[in-house]
Amino acid sequence: MGDRDHAIEALEHLRAIQAAESDKSVIKQHRRDAIQHVETLVAELERSTREESSAEAVERPDDWDDDEEWEDKLESAREKAGISASKGTLTTKTINGREYYYLQWRDGDKVKSQYVAPVDPA
């Protein structure tokens, strides 16, 4: 069950508490179920936050001598892709005999890419 599913389940249990009015045993069960789903959701979000904060930054490739220019290219690619600095792995693609750097990341079941810069910055 994903984060969204846990949030929906918790909300449904909270709404059931409101609708149950006076049956205390039903209210207690829905309250326990709601708390369980919210606790699971919070734990997942905390785990996700820890993973994001511990993710390594993409390092400047050896072919690029200018750190500032590389960081600008990388930041621009992330902005276009709409991803955080903790996401993305640097890959190379060969197109028409030339190599280019791309950021790749997973979005659900799909792997997405965003152009960064040519491998040879000349």
N, C-alpha and C. Protein backbone atom coordinates (compact mmCIF):
# COMPACT_ATOMS: atom_id res chain seq x y z
N MET A 1 0.86 -1.17 0.00
CA MET A 1 0.00 0.00 0.00
C MET A 1 0.90 1.23 0.00
N GLY A 2 0.67 2.15 -0.92
CA GLY A 2 1.49 3.35 -1.03
C GLY A 2 1.06 4.46 -0.10
N ASP A 3 1.84 5.55 -0.10
CA ASP A 3 1.55 6.70 0.76
C ASP A 3 0.14 7.24 0.53
N ARG A 4 -0.21 7.39 -0.72
CA ARG A 4 -1.54 7.92 -1.05
C ARG A 4 -2.64 7.01 -0.50
N ASP A 5 -2.46 5.71 -0.65
CA ASP A 5 -3.45 4.75 -0.16
C ASP A 5 -3.60 4.82 1.36
N HIS A 6 -2.47 4.95 2.06
CA HIS A 6 -2.53 5.06 3.52
C HIS A 6 -3.27 6.34 3.93
N ALA A 7 -3.00 7.43 3.24
CA ALA A 7 -3.67 8.69 3.56
C ALA A 7 -5.18 8.58 3.31
N ILE A 8 -5.57 7.96 2.21
CA ILE A 8 -6.99 7.78 1.89
C ILE A 8 -7.66 6.89 2.93
N GLU A 9 -6.99 5.79 3.31
CA GLU A 9 -7.55 4.89 4.32
C GLU A 9 -7.74 5.62 5.65
N ALA A 10 -6.75 6.38 6.06
CA ALA A 10 -6.85 7.12 7.32
C ALA A 10 -8.01 8.10 7.27
N LEU A 11 -8.14 8.80 6.16
CA LEU A 11 -9.23 9.76 6.00
C LEU A 11 -10.59 9.07 6.06
N GLU A 12 -10.70 7.91 5.41
CA GLU A 12 -11.97 7.18 5.44
C GLU A 12 -12.33 6.74 6.86
N HIS A 13 -11.33 6.30 7.63
CA HIS A 13 -11.59 5.90 9.02
C HIS A 13 -12.00 7.10 9.87
N LEU A 14 -11.34 8.23 9.63
CA LEU A 14 -11.71 9.43 10.38
C LEU A 14 -13.14 9.88 10.05
N ARG A 15 -13.51 9.77 8.79
CA ARG A 15 -14.88 10.12 8.40
C ARG A 15 -15.88 9.14 9.01
N ALA A 16 -15.49 7.86 9.11
CA ALA A 16 -16.37 6.86 9.71
C ALA A 16 -16.59 7.14 11.19
N ILE A 17 -15.54 7.66 11.86
CA ILE A 17 -15.70 8.03 13.27
C ILE A 17 -16.76 9.10 13.40
N GLN A 18 -16.70 10.06 12.53
CA GLN A 18 -17.67 11.15 12.55
C GLN A 18 -19.07 10.63 12.29
N ALA A 19 -19.20 9.68 11.36
CA ALA A 19 -20.51 9.15 10.99
C ALA A 19 -21.05 8.16 12.04
N ALA A 20 -20.17 7.51 12.80
CA ALA A 20 -20.60 6.49 13.75
C ALA A 20 -21.39 7.06 14.92
N GLU A 21 -21.23 8.32 15.19
CA GLU A 21 -21.94 9.05 16.25
C GLU A 21 -21.75 8.45 17.63
N SER A 22 -22.45 7.37 18.00
CA SER A 22 -22.44 6.97 19.40
C SER A 22 -21.92 5.56 19.68
N ASP A 23 -21.70 4.72 18.69
CA ASP A 23 -21.24 3.37 18.93
C ASP A 23 -19.74 3.42 19.27
N LYS A 24 -19.43 3.36 20.56
CA LYS A 24 -18.06 3.56 21.02
C LYS A 24 -17.08 2.51 20.52
N SER A 25 -17.52 1.27 20.38
CA SER A 25 -16.60 0.22 19.90
C SER A 25 -16.24 0.47 18.43
N VAL A 26 -17.19 0.92 17.64
CA VAL A 26 -16.92 1.24 16.22
C VAL A 26 -15.98 2.44 16.14
N ILE A 27 -16.24 3.43 16.96
CA ILE A 27 -15.40 4.63 16.97
C ILE A 27 -13.96 4.26 17.35
N LYS A 28 -13.78 3.43 18.38
CA LYS A 28 -12.44 3.02 18.80
C LYS A 28 -11.70 2.27 17.70
N GLN A 29 -12.41 1.37 17.01
CA GLN A 29 -11.77 0.60 15.93
C GLN A 29 -11.33 1.51 14.79
N HIS A 30 -12.21 2.42 14.39
CA HIS A 30 -11.85 3.35 13.30
C HIS A 30 -10.70 4.26 13.74
N ARG A 31 -10.70 4.69 14.98
CA ARG A 31 -9.62 5.54 15.48
C ARG A 31 -8.30 4.77 15.44
N ARG A 32 -8.30 3.50 15.90
CA ARG A 32 -7.07 2.68 15.85
C ARG A 32 -6.59 2.49 14.41
N ASP A 33 -7.53 2.19 13.50
CA ASP A 33 -7.16 1.99 12.10
C ASP A 33 -6.60 3.28 11.48
N ALA A 34 -7.23 4.40 11.79
CA ALA A 34 -6.77 5.68 11.26
C ALA A 34 -5.36 5.99 11.77
N ILE A 35 -5.15 5.79 13.06
CA ILE A 35 -3.83 6.05 13.65
C ILE A 35 -2.78 5.15 13.02
N GLN A 36 -3.11 3.89 12.79
CA GLN A 36 -2.16 2.96 12.18
C GLN A 36 -1.76 3.43 10.78
N HIS A 37 -2.73 3.85 9.98
CA HIS A 37 -2.42 4.31 8.62
C HIS A 37 -1.61 5.61 8.65
N VAL A 38 -1.94 6.52 9.55
CA VAL A 38 -1.19 7.77 9.64
C VAL A 38 0.24 7.49 10.11
N GLU A 39 0.42 6.61 11.07
CA GLU A 39 1.77 6.27 11.54
C GLU A 39 2.59 5.64 10.43
N THR A 40 1.97 4.77 9.65
CA THR A 40 2.67 4.15 8.51
C THR A 40 3.07 5.22 7.49
N LEU A 41 2.16 6.13 7.21
CA LEU A 41 2.43 7.22 6.27
C LEU A 41 3.58 8.09 6.77
N VAL A 42 3.56 8.46 8.02
CA VAL A 42 4.61 9.30 8.60
C VAL A 42 5.96 8.57 8.53
N ALA A 43 5.98 7.29 8.86
CA ALA A 43 7.23 6.52 8.79
C ALA A 43 7.77 6.48 7.37
N GLU A 44 6.90 6.28 6.40
CA GLU A 44 7.33 6.26 4.99
C GLU A 44 7.88 7.61 4.56
N LEU A 45 7.21 8.68 4.95
CA LEU A 45 7.67 10.02 4.59
C LEU A 45 9.00 10.34 5.26
N GLU A 46 9.18 9.92 6.50
CA GLU A 46 10.47 10.12 7.18
C GLU A 46 11.57 9.33 6.50
N ARG A 47 11.29 8.08 6.10
CA ARG A 47 12.27 7.27 5.41
C ARG A 47 12.65 7.92 4.09
N SER A 48 11.66 8.39 3.37
CA SER A 48 11.89 9.04 2.09
C SER A 48 12.73 10.30 2.25
N THR A 49 12.46 11.08 3.29
CA THR A 49 13.22 12.30 3.56
C THR A 49 14.66 11.96 3.89
N ARG A 50 14.89 10.91 4.71
CA ARG A 50 16.25 10.49 5.04
C ARG A 50 17.01 10.08 3.79
N GLU A 51 16.34 9.33 2.90
CA GLU A 51 16.99 8.88 1.67
C GLU A 51 17.37 10.07 0.80
N GLU A 52 16.48 11.06 0.69
CA GLU A 52 16.77 12.24 -0.12
C GLU A 52 17.94 13.02 0.44
N SER A 53 17.97 13.19 1.77
CA SER A 53 19.04 13.99 2.36
C SER A 53 20.38 13.26 2.34
N SER A 54 20.36 11.93 2.26
CA SER A 54 21.62 11.18 2.23
C SER A 54 22.10 10.88 0.81
N ALA A 55 21.31 11.25 -0.18
CA ALA A 55 21.70 10.98 -1.56
C ALA A 55 22.91 11.83 -1.94
N GLU A 56 23.82 11.23 -2.68
CA GLU A 56 25.02 11.94 -3.09
C GLU A 56 24.73 12.84 -4.28
N ALA A 57 25.41 13.97 -4.32
CA ALA A 57 25.27 14.89 -5.45
C ALA A 57 26.00 14.31 -6.65
N VAL A 58 25.57 14.71 -7.83
CA VAL A 58 26.24 14.29 -9.06
C VAL A 58 27.54 15.08 -9.16
N GLU A 59 28.65 14.37 -9.22
CA GLU A 59 29.95 15.04 -9.27
C GLU A 59 30.26 15.52 -10.68
N ARG A 60 31.10 16.56 -10.73
CA ARG A 60 31.54 17.11 -12.02
C ARG A 60 32.40 16.07 -12.73
N PRO A 61 32.07 15.79 -13.99
CA PRO A 61 32.90 14.84 -14.76
C PRO A 61 34.31 15.39 -14.97
N ASP A 62 35.27 14.50 -15.16
CA ASP A 62 36.67 14.88 -15.34
C ASP A 62 36.88 15.78 -16.56
N ASP A 63 36.07 15.59 -17.62
CA ASP A 63 36.23 16.37 -18.84
C ASP A 63 35.88 17.85 -18.64
N TRP A 64 35.17 18.15 -17.57
CA TRP A 64 34.75 19.52 -17.32
C TRP A 64 35.70 20.15 -16.30
N ASP A 65 36.44 21.18 -16.73
CA ASP A 65 37.39 21.85 -15.85
C ASP A 65 36.71 22.92 -15.00
N ASP A 66 35.62 23.47 -15.47
CA ASP A 66 34.95 24.59 -14.81
C ASP A 66 33.80 24.10 -13.91
N ASP A 67 34.05 24.07 -12.60
CA ASP A 67 33.02 23.62 -11.65
C ASP A 67 31.75 24.46 -11.75
N GLU A 68 31.91 25.76 -11.84
CA GLU A 68 30.75 26.66 -11.85
C GLU A 68 29.89 26.44 -13.10
N GLU A 69 30.53 26.30 -14.24
CA GLU A 69 29.78 26.06 -15.48
C GLU A 69 29.04 24.72 -15.42
N TRP A 70 29.70 23.67 -14.87
CA TRP A 70 29.06 22.37 -14.74
C TRP A 70 27.84 22.46 -13.82
N GLU A 71 28.01 23.13 -12.67
CA GLU A 71 26.90 23.28 -11.72
C GLU A 71 25.73 24.03 -12.36
N ASP A 72 26.04 25.05 -13.18
CA ASP A 72 24.97 25.78 -13.88
C ASP A 72 24.21 24.86 -14.83
N LYS A 73 24.94 24.05 -15.58
CA LYS A 73 24.31 23.11 -16.53
C LYS A 73 23.43 22.11 -15.78
N LEU A 74 23.97 21.57 -14.68
CA LEU A 74 23.25 20.58 -13.89
C LEU A 74 22.00 21.19 -13.25
N GLU A 75 22.13 22.39 -12.70
CA GLU A 75 20.99 23.06 -12.08
C GLU A 75 19.91 23.36 -13.13
N SER A 76 20.33 23.79 -14.29
CA SER A 76 19.38 24.07 -15.37
C SER A 76 18.63 22.81 -15.79
N ALA A 77 19.35 21.70 -15.89
CA ALA A 77 18.71 20.43 -16.27
C ALA A 77 17.71 20.00 -15.20
N ARG A 78 18.06 20.16 -13.93
CA ARG A 78 17.14 19.79 -12.85
C ARG A 78 15.89 20.67 -12.85
N GLU A 79 16.08 21.95 -13.11
CA GLU A 79 14.93 22.86 -13.18
C GLU A 79 13.99 22.47 -14.32
N LYS A 80 14.55 22.18 -15.48
CA LYS A 80 13.73 21.77 -16.63
C LYS A 80 12.99 20.46 -16.34
N ALA A 81 13.67 19.56 -15.62
CA ALA A 81 13.07 18.26 -15.31
C ALA A 81 12.10 18.35 -14.13
N GLY A 82 12.25 19.39 -13.33
CA GLY A 82 11.41 19.52 -12.14
C GLY A 82 11.74 18.51 -11.06
N ILE A 83 13.04 18.20 -10.91
CA ILE A 83 13.47 17.23 -9.88
C ILE A 83 14.39 17.91 -8.88
N SER A 84 14.48 17.33 -7.68
CA SER A 84 15.33 17.88 -6.63
C SER A 84 16.78 17.48 -6.85
N ALA A 85 17.66 18.15 -6.13
CA ALA A 85 19.09 17.86 -6.25
C ALA A 85 19.45 16.46 -5.79
N SER A 86 18.57 15.83 -5.03
CA SER A 86 18.87 14.48 -4.54
C SER A 86 18.51 13.40 -5.56
N LYS A 87 17.82 13.79 -6.61
CA LYS A 87 17.41 12.81 -7.62
C LYS A 87 18.32 12.88 -8.83
N GLY A 88 18.41 11.77 -9.50
CA GLY A 88 19.11 11.75 -10.78
C GLY A 88 20.47 11.12 -10.73
N THR A 89 20.74 10.35 -11.75
CA THR A 89 22.03 9.72 -11.94
C THR A 89 22.56 10.19 -13.28
N LEU A 90 23.83 10.52 -13.34
CA LEU A 90 24.43 10.99 -14.57
C LEU A 90 24.71 9.82 -15.50
N THR A 91 24.23 9.91 -16.71
CA THR A 91 24.48 8.89 -17.72
C THR A 91 24.95 9.55 -19.00
N THR A 92 25.50 8.77 -19.90
CA THR A 92 25.88 9.30 -21.21
C THR A 92 25.07 8.60 -22.29
N LYS A 93 24.75 9.37 -23.31
CA LYS A 93 24.08 8.82 -24.48
C LYS A 93 24.87 9.25 -25.70
N THR A 94 24.96 8.35 -26.66
CA THR A 94 25.63 8.66 -27.92
C THR A 94 24.57 8.91 -28.97
N ILE A 95 24.62 10.10 -29.55
CA ILE A 95 23.66 10.50 -30.58
C ILE A 95 24.46 11.03 -31.77
N ASN A 96 24.26 10.42 -32.92
CA ASN A 96 24.98 10.79 -34.14
C ASN A 96 26.50 10.86 -33.91
N GLY A 97 27.03 9.88 -33.17
CA GLY A 97 28.47 9.78 -32.96
C GLY A 97 29.02 10.69 -31.87
N ARG A 98 28.19 11.53 -31.25
CA ARG A 98 28.67 12.42 -30.17
C ARG A 98 28.06 11.97 -28.85
N GLU A 99 28.81 12.16 -27.77
CA GLU A 99 28.31 11.77 -26.46
C GLU A 99 27.79 12.99 -25.69
N TYR A 100 26.70 12.73 -24.95
CA TYR A 100 26.05 13.78 -24.17
C TYR A 100 25.72 13.25 -22.77
N TYR A 101 25.78 14.14 -21.78
CA TYR A 101 25.37 13.79 -20.42
C TYR A 101 23.88 14.03 -20.25
N TYR A 102 23.25 13.09 -19.57
CA TYR A 102 21.83 13.19 -19.23
C TYR A 102 21.66 12.82 -17.77
N LEU A 103 20.69 13.45 -17.12
CA LEU A 103 20.25 13.00 -15.80
C LEU A 103 19.16 11.98 -16.04
N GLN A 104 19.20 10.89 -15.32
CA GLN A 104 18.12 9.90 -15.39
C GLN A 104 17.61 9.64 -13.98
N TRP A 105 16.29 9.48 -13.87
CA TRP A 105 15.67 9.19 -12.59
C TRP A 105 14.42 8.38 -12.83
N ARG A 106 13.94 7.77 -11.77
CA ARG A 106 12.74 6.94 -11.86
C ARG A 106 11.55 7.76 -11.39
N ASP A 107 10.48 7.71 -12.17
CA ASP A 107 9.21 8.35 -11.83
C ASP A 107 8.14 7.27 -11.90
N GLY A 108 7.89 6.64 -10.76
CA GLY A 108 6.99 5.49 -10.75
C GLY A 108 7.66 4.33 -11.46
N ASP A 109 7.00 3.80 -12.49
CA ASP A 109 7.56 2.68 -13.25
C ASP A 109 8.42 3.14 -14.43
N LYS A 110 8.44 4.44 -14.69
CA LYS A 110 9.15 4.95 -15.86
C LYS A 110 10.51 5.53 -15.48
N VAL A 111 11.48 5.39 -16.39
CA VAL A 111 12.77 6.03 -16.25
C VAL A 111 12.74 7.25 -17.17
N LYS A 112 13.02 8.42 -16.59
CA LYS A 112 12.99 9.67 -17.36
C LYS A 112 14.40 10.22 -17.49
N SER A 113 14.61 11.04 -18.51
CA SER A 113 15.92 11.63 -18.78
C SER A 113 15.79 13.11 -19.07
N GLN A 114 16.85 13.86 -18.74
CA GLN A 114 16.92 15.27 -19.07
C GLN A 114 18.35 15.58 -19.51
N TYR A 115 18.48 16.22 -20.67
CA TYR A 115 19.78 16.61 -21.20
C TYR A 115 20.48 17.56 -20.23
N VAL A 116 21.80 17.36 -20.07
CA VAL A 116 22.61 18.25 -19.22
C VAL A 116 23.59 19.04 -20.08
N ALA A 117 24.48 18.31 -20.78
CA ALA A 117 25.54 18.98 -21.54
C ALA A 117 26.28 17.96 -22.39
N PRO A 118 27.08 18.42 -23.34
CA PRO A 118 27.92 17.47 -24.09
C PRO A 118 29.03 16.95 -23.18
N VAL A 119 29.52 15.73 -23.47
CA VAL A 119 30.61 15.15 -22.69
C VAL A 119 31.87 15.98 -22.89
N ASP A 120 32.12 16.40 -24.12
CA ASP A 120 33.28 17.24 -24.44
C ASP A 120 32.81 18.69 -24.48
N PRO A 121 33.12 19.48 -23.45
CA PRO A 121 32.58 20.84 -23.37
C PRO A 121 33.18 21.85 -24.34
N ALA A 122 34.06 21.41 -25.21
CA ALA A 122 34.73 22.31 -26.14
C ALA A 122 33.82 23.18 -26.86
